[in-house]
Amino acid sequence: MKHVILCSHDLTESSDPALRVAFDYARRLKADLSVLFVAPPPYPAPPGLWFAVEEANFEGLVERIAAAARVELERRVKTFRRPGDGPVHLEVESGEPGETVL
């Protein structure tokens, strides 16, 4: 059975140590590594604040967030990846982070 290590990352420096440890475990277990970022859903502004938002463009917002998150995950993975490491899968999901990770 092939092992898979799941490391959730919130794209902050404080999550980088967890990514480093996940790479270490993946090397020791000869496991694949999945790195997951979960973007919380965009919340609408309270009704009283819509007047301050000029021409809000929410079309494609989730897709733009996912694309930017994938680029950032790739950058962070390159920091810890070594030659000979096994497969690394980048996953970007949207939803409530705690529920989605589980």
N, C-alpha and C. Protein backbone atom coordinates (compact mmCIF):
# COMPACT_ATOMS: atom_id res chain seq x y z
N MET A 1 0.84 -1.18 0.00
CA MET A 1 0.00 0.00 0.00
C MET A 1 0.89 1.24 0.00
N LYS A 2 0.61 2.16 -0.91
CA LYS A 2 1.37 3.41 -1.02
C LYS A 2 0.86 4.40 0.02
N HIS A 3 1.77 4.95 0.81
CA HIS A 3 1.40 5.96 1.80
C HIS A 3 1.33 7.32 1.15
N VAL A 4 0.42 8.16 1.67
CA VAL A 4 0.30 9.54 1.23
C VAL A 4 0.29 10.42 2.47
N ILE A 5 1.17 11.41 2.48
CA ILE A 5 1.21 12.39 3.57
C ILE A 5 0.40 13.59 3.12
N LEU A 6 -0.52 14.05 3.95
CA LEU A 6 -1.30 15.25 3.66
C LEU A 6 -0.80 16.38 4.54
N CYS A 7 -0.44 17.48 3.91
CA CYS A 7 -0.01 18.67 4.64
C CYS A 7 -0.88 19.84 4.19
N SER A 8 -1.66 20.36 5.11
CA SER A 8 -2.43 21.55 4.76
C SER A 8 -1.54 22.77 5.01
N HIS A 9 -1.70 23.77 4.18
CA HIS A 9 -0.85 24.96 4.23
C HIS A 9 -1.74 26.17 4.00
N ASP A 10 -1.55 27.21 4.81
CA ASP A 10 -2.38 28.40 4.64
C ASP A 10 -1.65 29.54 3.94
N LEU A 11 -0.52 29.22 3.29
CA LEU A 11 0.28 30.17 2.52
C LEU A 11 0.95 31.23 3.39
N THR A 12 1.15 30.93 4.66
CA THR A 12 1.89 31.82 5.53
C THR A 12 3.19 31.15 5.94
N GLU A 13 4.15 31.95 6.38
CA GLU A 13 5.43 31.41 6.83
C GLU A 13 5.26 30.48 8.02
N SER A 14 4.24 30.70 8.82
CA SER A 14 4.06 29.85 10.00
C SER A 14 3.69 28.41 9.62
N SER A 15 3.24 28.18 8.40
CA SER A 15 2.94 26.81 7.95
C SER A 15 4.14 26.13 7.31
N ASP A 16 5.19 26.88 7.02
CA ASP A 16 6.36 26.29 6.36
C ASP A 16 7.03 25.18 7.18
N PRO A 17 7.15 25.31 8.51
CA PRO A 17 7.75 24.20 9.26
C PRO A 17 6.96 22.89 9.12
N ALA A 18 5.64 22.97 9.04
CA ALA A 18 4.83 21.76 8.84
C ALA A 18 5.13 21.15 7.47
N LEU A 19 5.34 21.99 6.47
CA LEU A 19 5.66 21.49 5.13
C LEU A 19 7.04 20.80 5.14
N ARG A 20 7.98 21.38 5.84
CA ARG A 20 9.32 20.77 5.94
C ARG A 20 9.22 19.40 6.59
N VAL A 21 8.47 19.30 7.68
CA VAL A 21 8.30 18.02 8.38
C VAL A 21 7.56 17.03 7.48
N ALA A 22 6.57 17.49 6.73
CA ALA A 22 5.84 16.60 5.82
C ALA A 22 6.78 16.02 4.77
N PHE A 23 7.68 16.85 4.24
CA PHE A 23 8.68 16.34 3.29
C PHE A 23 9.57 15.30 3.96
N ASP A 24 9.99 15.57 5.20
CA ASP A 24 10.84 14.60 5.92
C ASP A 24 10.13 13.25 6.09
N TYR A 25 8.87 13.29 6.51
CA TYR A 25 8.11 12.04 6.66
C TYR A 25 7.94 11.33 5.32
N ALA A 26 7.63 12.10 4.28
CA ALA A 26 7.45 11.49 2.96
C ALA A 26 8.73 10.80 2.50
N ARG A 27 9.88 11.41 2.77
CA ARG A 27 11.16 10.78 2.40
C ARG A 27 11.36 9.48 3.18
N ARG A 28 11.13 9.53 4.48
CA ARG A 28 11.36 8.35 5.33
C ARG A 28 10.43 7.20 4.97
N LEU A 29 9.18 7.52 4.66
CA LEU A 29 8.19 6.49 4.36
C LEU A 29 8.11 6.16 2.87
N LYS A 30 8.90 6.88 2.06
CA LYS A 30 8.82 6.74 0.60
C LYS A 30 7.37 6.94 0.15
N ALA A 31 6.76 7.97 0.69
CA ALA A 31 5.35 8.26 0.45
C ALA A 31 5.20 9.43 -0.52
N ASP A 32 4.04 9.49 -1.13
CA ASP A 32 3.67 10.68 -1.90
C ASP A 32 3.31 11.78 -0.91
N LEU A 33 3.38 13.01 -1.37
CA LEU A 33 3.02 14.15 -0.53
C LEU A 33 1.93 14.95 -1.22
N SER A 34 0.85 15.21 -0.52
CA SER A 34 -0.21 16.10 -1.01
C SER A 34 -0.19 17.35 -0.15
N VAL A 35 -0.08 18.50 -0.80
CA VAL A 35 -0.09 19.78 -0.11
C VAL A 35 -1.40 20.46 -0.47
N LEU A 36 -2.17 20.80 0.55
CA LEU A 36 -3.53 21.31 0.38
C LEU A 36 -3.66 22.72 0.90
N PHE A 37 -4.23 23.61 0.07
CA PHE A 37 -4.63 24.94 0.50
C PHE A 37 -6.14 25.02 0.33
N VAL A 38 -6.81 25.50 1.36
CA VAL A 38 -8.27 25.67 1.30
C VAL A 38 -8.59 27.15 1.43
N ALA A 39 -9.19 27.69 0.38
CA ALA A 39 -9.60 29.10 0.38
C ALA A 39 -11.02 29.19 0.91
N PRO A 40 -11.20 29.97 1.96
CA PRO A 40 -12.57 30.14 2.45
C PRO A 40 -13.41 30.86 1.40
N PRO A 41 -14.70 30.58 1.37
CA PRO A 41 -15.55 31.22 0.36
C PRO A 41 -15.60 32.73 0.57
N PRO A 42 -15.70 33.49 -0.53
CA PRO A 42 -15.82 34.94 -0.36
C PRO A 42 -17.16 35.27 0.29
N TYR A 43 -17.11 36.12 1.26
CA TYR A 43 -18.33 36.51 1.95
C TYR A 43 -18.78 37.87 1.42
N PRO A 44 -20.07 38.04 1.23
CA PRO A 44 -20.54 39.34 0.75
C PRO A 44 -20.35 40.42 1.81
N ALA A 45 -20.17 41.63 1.35
CA ALA A 45 -20.06 42.76 2.28
C ALA A 45 -21.43 42.99 2.91
N PRO A 46 -21.44 43.47 4.15
CA PRO A 46 -22.72 43.79 4.76
C PRO A 46 -23.48 44.81 3.90
N PRO A 47 -24.80 44.73 3.91
CA PRO A 47 -25.59 45.60 3.03
C PRO A 47 -25.22 47.07 3.11
N GLY A 48 -24.87 47.57 4.27
CA GLY A 48 -24.55 48.98 4.41
C GLY A 48 -23.22 49.38 3.78
N LEU A 49 -22.42 48.41 3.36
CA LEU A 49 -21.11 48.73 2.79
C LEU A 49 -21.06 48.66 1.27
N TRP A 50 -22.13 48.17 0.63
CA TRP A 50 -22.09 48.05 -0.83
C TRP A 50 -21.86 49.39 -1.51
N PHE A 51 -22.28 50.50 -0.88
CA PHE A 51 -22.09 51.80 -1.50
C PHE A 51 -20.61 52.15 -1.66
N ALA A 52 -19.74 51.54 -0.85
CA ALA A 52 -18.32 51.87 -0.88
C ALA A 52 -17.55 51.00 -1.87
N VAL A 53 -18.20 49.99 -2.43
CA VAL A 53 -17.52 49.09 -3.36
C VAL A 53 -17.82 49.54 -4.78
N GLU A 54 -16.80 50.07 -5.44
CA GLU A 54 -17.00 50.55 -6.81
C GLU A 54 -16.81 49.40 -7.80
N GLU A 55 -17.84 49.14 -8.58
CA GLU A 55 -17.77 48.15 -9.64
C GLU A 55 -17.08 46.86 -9.20
N ALA A 56 -17.57 46.27 -8.16
CA ALA A 56 -16.99 45.02 -7.67
C ALA A 56 -17.08 43.96 -8.76
N ASN A 57 -15.97 43.32 -9.03
CA ASN A 57 -15.93 42.27 -10.04
C ASN A 57 -15.64 40.94 -9.35
N PHE A 58 -16.72 40.21 -9.09
CA PHE A 58 -16.57 38.93 -8.42
C PHE A 58 -16.57 37.77 -9.41
N GLU A 59 -16.76 38.09 -10.69
CA GLU A 59 -16.77 37.04 -11.70
C GLU A 59 -15.38 36.39 -11.77
N GLY A 60 -15.35 35.11 -11.62
CA GLY A 60 -14.08 34.39 -11.68
C GLY A 60 -13.20 34.55 -10.46
N LEU A 61 -13.74 35.11 -9.39
CA LEU A 61 -12.93 35.35 -8.19
C LEU A 61 -12.36 34.06 -7.62
N VAL A 62 -13.17 33.04 -7.50
CA VAL A 62 -12.71 31.77 -6.93
C VAL A 62 -11.60 31.18 -7.80
N GLU A 63 -11.76 31.26 -9.11
CA GLU A 63 -10.74 30.73 -10.02
C GLU A 63 -9.44 31.52 -9.91
N ARG A 64 -9.53 32.85 -9.77
CA ARG A 64 -8.32 33.67 -9.63
C ARG A 64 -7.61 33.37 -8.32
N ILE A 65 -8.38 33.18 -7.25
CA ILE A 65 -7.78 32.84 -5.96
C ILE A 65 -7.09 31.48 -6.06
N ALA A 66 -7.74 30.51 -6.68
CA ALA A 66 -7.15 29.17 -6.81
C ALA A 66 -5.86 29.22 -7.62
N ALA A 67 -5.84 29.98 -8.70
CA ALA A 67 -4.64 30.06 -9.54
C ALA A 67 -3.49 30.71 -8.77
N ALA A 68 -3.77 31.78 -8.05
CA ALA A 68 -2.73 32.45 -7.26
C ALA A 68 -2.23 31.55 -6.14
N ALA A 69 -3.14 30.82 -5.51
CA ALA A 69 -2.74 29.91 -4.43
C ALA A 69 -1.86 28.79 -4.96
N ARG A 70 -2.16 28.27 -6.13
CA ARG A 70 -1.35 27.20 -6.72
C ARG A 70 0.07 27.70 -7.00
N VAL A 71 0.19 28.91 -7.52
CA VAL A 71 1.52 29.49 -7.78
C VAL A 71 2.31 29.62 -6.48
N GLU A 72 1.65 30.08 -5.44
CA GLU A 72 2.33 30.24 -4.15
C GLU A 72 2.70 28.88 -3.55
N LEU A 73 1.82 27.89 -3.65
CA LEU A 73 2.15 26.55 -3.16
C LEU A 73 3.37 25.99 -3.90
N GLU A 74 3.40 26.16 -5.21
CA GLU A 74 4.54 25.69 -6.00
C GLU A 74 5.84 26.33 -5.52
N ARG A 75 5.79 27.63 -5.25
CA ARG A 75 6.98 28.34 -4.78
C ARG A 75 7.46 27.78 -3.44
N ARG A 76 6.53 27.55 -2.54
CA ARG A 76 6.91 27.04 -1.22
C ARG A 76 7.41 25.59 -1.29
N VAL A 77 6.80 24.77 -2.13
CA VAL A 77 7.24 23.39 -2.28
C VAL A 77 8.68 23.34 -2.82
N LYS A 78 9.00 24.22 -3.77
CA LYS A 78 10.36 24.25 -4.33
C LYS A 78 11.40 24.53 -3.26
N THR A 79 11.02 25.26 -2.22
CA THR A 79 11.94 25.58 -1.14
C THR A 79 12.41 24.34 -0.39
N PHE A 80 11.52 23.36 -0.22
CA PHE A 80 11.82 22.18 0.60
C PHE A 80 12.08 20.92 -0.20
N ARG A 81 11.75 20.93 -1.47
CA ARG A 81 11.91 19.72 -2.29
C ARG A 81 13.39 19.46 -2.58
N ARG A 82 13.75 18.18 -2.53
CA ARG A 82 15.12 17.74 -2.83
C ARG A 82 15.09 16.80 -4.02
N PRO A 83 16.22 16.71 -4.73
CA PRO A 83 16.28 15.72 -5.81
C PRO A 83 16.00 14.33 -5.25
N GLY A 84 15.23 13.57 -5.98
CA GLY A 84 14.91 12.21 -5.56
C GLY A 84 13.65 12.10 -4.71
N ASP A 85 13.06 13.25 -4.32
CA ASP A 85 11.80 13.19 -3.57
C ASP A 85 10.72 12.58 -4.45
N GLY A 86 9.77 11.94 -3.80
CA GLY A 86 8.65 11.33 -4.51
C GLY A 86 7.68 12.37 -5.04
N PRO A 87 6.58 11.90 -5.58
CA PRO A 87 5.58 12.79 -6.15
C PRO A 87 5.00 13.75 -5.11
N VAL A 88 4.76 14.97 -5.56
CA VAL A 88 4.10 15.98 -4.73
C VAL A 88 2.88 16.46 -5.50
N HIS A 89 1.74 16.36 -4.87
CA HIS A 89 0.48 16.77 -5.48
C HIS A 89 0.00 18.05 -4.80
N LEU A 90 -0.28 19.06 -5.59
CA LEU A 90 -0.80 20.31 -5.05
C LEU A 90 -2.31 20.32 -5.23
N GLU A 91 -3.00 20.61 -4.15
CA GLU A 91 -4.46 20.64 -4.17
C GLU A 91 -4.91 22.01 -3.68
N VAL A 92 -5.82 22.62 -4.41
CA VAL A 92 -6.42 23.89 -4.00
C VAL A 92 -7.93 23.67 -4.01
N GLU A 93 -8.53 23.87 -2.87
CA GLU A 93 -9.98 23.69 -2.72
C GLU A 93 -10.57 24.97 -2.15
N SER A 94 -11.86 25.13 -2.30
CA SER A 94 -12.54 26.24 -1.62
C SER A 94 -13.59 25.65 -0.70
N GLY A 95 -13.77 26.32 0.42
CA GLY A 95 -14.72 25.87 1.43
C GLY A 95 -14.25 26.30 2.80
N GLU A 96 -14.91 25.81 3.80
CA GLU A 96 -14.49 26.09 5.16
C GLU A 96 -13.24 25.25 5.42
N PRO A 97 -12.09 25.88 5.75
CA PRO A 97 -10.84 25.14 5.85
C PRO A 97 -10.88 23.91 6.76
N GLY A 98 -11.38 24.05 7.97
CA GLY A 98 -11.39 22.92 8.90
C GLY A 98 -12.19 21.74 8.37
N GLU A 99 -13.36 22.00 7.84
CA GLU A 99 -14.20 20.94 7.31
C GLU A 99 -13.59 20.31 6.05
N THR A 100 -13.01 21.13 5.20
CA THR A 100 -12.46 20.64 3.94
C THR A 100 -11.23 19.78 4.16
N VAL A 101 -10.38 20.17 5.11
CA VAL A 101 -9.18 19.38 5.39
C VAL A 101 -9.60 18.00 5.89
N LEU A 102 -10.58 17.97 6.78
CA LEU A 102 -11.03 16.67 7.30
C LEU A 102 -11.68 15.85 6.20
